[in-house]
Amino acid sequence: MIHASYNENVHTTNYRFIEWRLFIKEIIPKGLELHSISDQGRTPFLDLFAGHVKFYYSKGLDLPFHSLLKTWLEDLEECGIDLDEYGRKESELKQQGLVSWSFYDSWSDSEWLLLDMSYGAFPGDWDISIEKAGKLFVEVPEEESGKIPGGWIEEDAF
């Protein structure tokens, strides 16, 4: 839900986007658990990026991750969230193996990796490195590469 509102309108002054940001800023101070882990193994922060990949790729658009990050962090800061602590906790969850920093995008049949994240007390202290891992494919073992499943069996194979 959060990623849909931020992703669709991250570069606009769209009324819906403004309303979503106001809503987020209202619920965070009321106890929104910012480090809860979803069934997909993502925190709201990581879900935001996963949704961002899917939204932008489905529309064939560039992926302005840094604009999204800046908007999200500014909203958290405005809610009184300690950004340094927030970043430390997100990194800690990854180091403990509790969350995954990779996102599969079915539109591009690719995996995206959040490779690195630096963080600090202010939105400008943060930086992320994201990489598209490329098309996913099934590797055929070398000894089977010339065979076609269900194909004709050659006589010289016996």
Protein backbone atom coordinates (compact mmCIF):
# COMPACT_ATOMS: atom_id res chain seq x y z
CA MET A 1 0.00 0.00 0.00
CA ILE A 2 2.76 2.44 0.95
CA HIS A 3 4.83 1.70 -2.15
CA ALA A 4 1.87 2.24 -4.48
CA SER A 5 1.33 5.78 -3.28
CA TYR A 6 5.00 6.78 -3.33
CA ASN A 7 5.87 5.05 -6.59
CA GLU A 8 3.09 6.35 -8.74
CA ASN A 9 3.65 9.97 -7.86
CA VAL A 10 7.17 10.42 -6.55
CA HIS A 11 7.94 13.22 -9.02
CA THR A 12 4.65 15.06 -8.95
CA THR A 13 2.57 17.36 -6.83
CA ASN A 14 -0.39 15.12 -7.60
CA TYR A 15 -3.22 15.59 -5.10
CA ARG A 16 -3.35 11.84 -4.36
CA PHE A 17 0.38 11.76 -3.65
CA ILE A 18 0.13 14.70 -1.27
CA GLU A 19 -2.79 13.04 0.51
CA TRP A 20 -0.88 9.74 0.83
CA ARG A 21 2.15 11.49 2.26
CA LEU A 22 -0.06 13.26 4.79
CA PHE A 23 -1.64 9.92 5.70
CA ILE A 24 1.75 8.25 6.16
CA LYS A 25 2.93 11.16 8.30
CA GLU A 26 -0.17 10.75 10.42
CA ILE A 27 0.12 6.99 11.02
CA ILE A 28 3.88 6.74 11.63
CA PRO A 29 3.78 8.69 14.92
CA LYS A 30 0.81 6.56 16.00
CA GLY A 31 2.94 3.44 16.03
CA LEU A 32 3.36 2.12 12.49
CA GLU A 33 6.00 -0.60 12.92
CA LEU A 34 8.67 0.49 10.45
CA HIS A 35 10.73 -2.69 10.80
CA SER A 36 7.95 -5.29 10.64
CA ILE A 37 8.78 -8.09 8.21
CA SER A 38 6.19 -9.10 5.62
CA ASP A 39 5.50 -12.61 4.34
CA GLN A 40 7.85 -11.77 1.44
CA GLY A 41 10.69 -11.07 3.89
CA ARG A 42 10.62 -7.30 3.48
CA THR A 43 10.26 -4.34 5.79
CA PRO A 44 8.15 -1.36 4.61
CA PHE A 45 11.43 0.21 3.40
CA LEU A 46 12.31 -2.83 1.28
CA ASP A 47 8.73 -3.27 0.12
CA LEU A 48 8.81 0.31 -1.07
CA PHE A 49 11.74 -0.51 -3.36
CA ALA A 50 10.27 -3.81 -4.55
CA GLY A 51 7.03 -2.05 -5.46
CA HIS A 52 9.00 0.71 -7.12
CA VAL A 53 10.75 -1.77 -9.42
CA LYS A 54 7.47 -3.39 -10.41
CA PHE A 55 5.62 -0.12 -10.93
CA TYR A 56 8.25 1.60 -13.04
CA TYR A 57 9.25 -1.41 -15.09
CA SER A 58 5.62 -2.25 -15.90
CA LYS A 59 5.35 1.24 -17.41
CA GLY A 60 8.74 1.09 -19.16
CA LEU A 61 10.06 4.06 -17.15
CA ASP A 62 13.45 4.79 -15.63
CA LEU A 63 13.85 3.81 -12.01
CA PRO A 64 14.60 6.98 -9.96
CA PHE A 65 15.45 5.18 -6.72
CA HIS A 66 17.23 8.13 -5.17
CA SER A 67 14.18 10.39 -5.55
CA LEU A 68 12.04 7.77 -3.86
CA LEU A 69 14.57 7.32 -1.06
CA LYS A 70 14.81 11.06 -0.47
CA THR A 71 11.02 11.48 -0.33
CA TRP A 72 10.59 8.55 2.07
CA LEU A 73 13.38 9.73 4.36
CA GLU A 74 12.13 13.30 4.45
CA ASP A 75 8.73 12.02 5.53
CA LEU A 76 10.27 9.83 8.24
CA GLU A 77 12.42 12.71 9.47
CA GLU A 78 9.38 14.98 9.61
CA CYS A 79 7.69 12.34 11.81
CA GLY A 80 10.56 12.48 14.27
CA ILE A 81 12.17 9.17 13.26
CA ASP A 82 15.89 8.98 14.07
CA LEU A 83 17.20 8.23 10.57
CA ASP A 84 20.57 6.97 11.78
CA GLU A 85 18.87 4.43 14.06
CA TYR A 86 16.38 3.57 11.31
CA GLY A 87 19.18 2.80 8.85
CA ARG A 88 21.13 0.83 11.44
CA LYS A 89 18.11 -1.36 12.15
CA GLU A 90 17.42 -1.99 8.43
CA SER A 91 21.07 -3.02 7.93
CA GLU A 92 21.01 -5.17 11.05
CA LEU A 93 17.95 -7.09 9.82
CA LYS A 94 19.81 -7.89 6.59
CA GLN A 95 22.98 -8.96 8.42
CA GLN A 96 20.89 -11.29 10.58
CA GLY A 97 19.40 -12.85 7.44
CA LEU A 98 15.87 -11.83 8.42
CA VAL A 99 15.20 -9.83 5.23
CA SER A 100 16.26 -10.06 1.61
CA TRP A 101 17.69 -7.17 -0.34
CA SER A 102 16.74 -8.68 -3.70
CA PHE A 103 13.52 -8.16 -5.64
CA TYR A 104 12.24 -10.21 -8.55
CA ASP A 105 10.45 -8.29 -11.29
CA SER A 106 8.26 -10.46 -13.50
CA TRP A 107 7.89 -7.73 -16.14
CA SER A 108 11.58 -7.75 -16.97
CA ASP A 109 12.18 -11.32 -15.75
CA SER A 110 15.01 -9.86 -13.73
CA GLU A 111 16.25 -9.70 -10.20
CA TRP A 112 17.15 -6.36 -8.66
CA LEU A 113 19.65 -6.22 -5.84
CA LEU A 114 20.02 -3.56 -3.19
CA LEU A 115 23.79 -3.97 -2.95
CA ASP A 116 24.73 -1.40 -0.38
CA MET A 117 23.21 1.27 1.77
CA SER A 118 24.94 4.03 3.67
CA TYR A 119 22.89 6.01 6.15
CA GLY A 120 23.10 8.81 8.65
CA ALA A 121 21.11 11.30 10.65
CA PHE A 122 19.86 13.30 7.63
CA PRO A 123 18.31 12.30 4.28
CA GLY A 124 21.36 13.69 2.47
CA ASP A 125 23.61 11.28 4.38
CA TRP A 126 21.92 8.28 2.79
CA ASP A 127 22.94 6.55 -0.41
CA ILE A 128 21.99 3.26 -2.01
CA SER A 129 23.49 1.08 -4.71
CA ILE A 130 21.03 -0.96 -6.73
CA GLU A 131 21.82 -3.30 -9.60
CA LYS A 132 19.74 -5.20 -12.10
CA ALA A 133 21.09 -8.74 -11.97
CA GLY A 134 19.92 -9.47 -15.51
CA LYS A 135 17.55 -11.94 -17.00
CA LEU A 136 16.96 -15.01 -14.97
CA PHE A 137 17.31 -18.27 -16.82
CA VAL A 138 17.64 -21.98 -16.19
CA GLU A 139 21.10 -23.24 -16.92
CA VAL A 140 21.23 -26.53 -18.85
CA PRO A 141 24.03 -28.88 -17.81
CA GLU A 142 26.66 -29.14 -20.56
CA GLU A 143 26.19 -32.87 -21.19
CA GLU A 144 22.47 -32.38 -21.88
CA SER A 145 22.70 -29.18 -23.92
CA GLY A 146 22.39 -30.94 -27.31
CA LYS A 147 19.29 -32.93 -26.38
CA ILE A 148 15.77 -31.72 -26.91
CA PRO A 149 13.23 -33.05 -24.40
CA GLY A 150 10.95 -35.49 -26.25
CA GLY A 151 13.25 -35.38 -29.29
CA TRP A 152 14.18 -38.29 -31.54
CA ILE A 153 16.75 -40.68 -30.06
CA GLU A 154 19.72 -41.03 -32.40
CA GLU A 155 20.74 -44.58 -33.31
CA ASP A 156 24.44 -43.91 -32.69
CA ALA A 157 23.57 -43.05 -29.08
CA PHE A 158 23.34 -46.78 -28.24
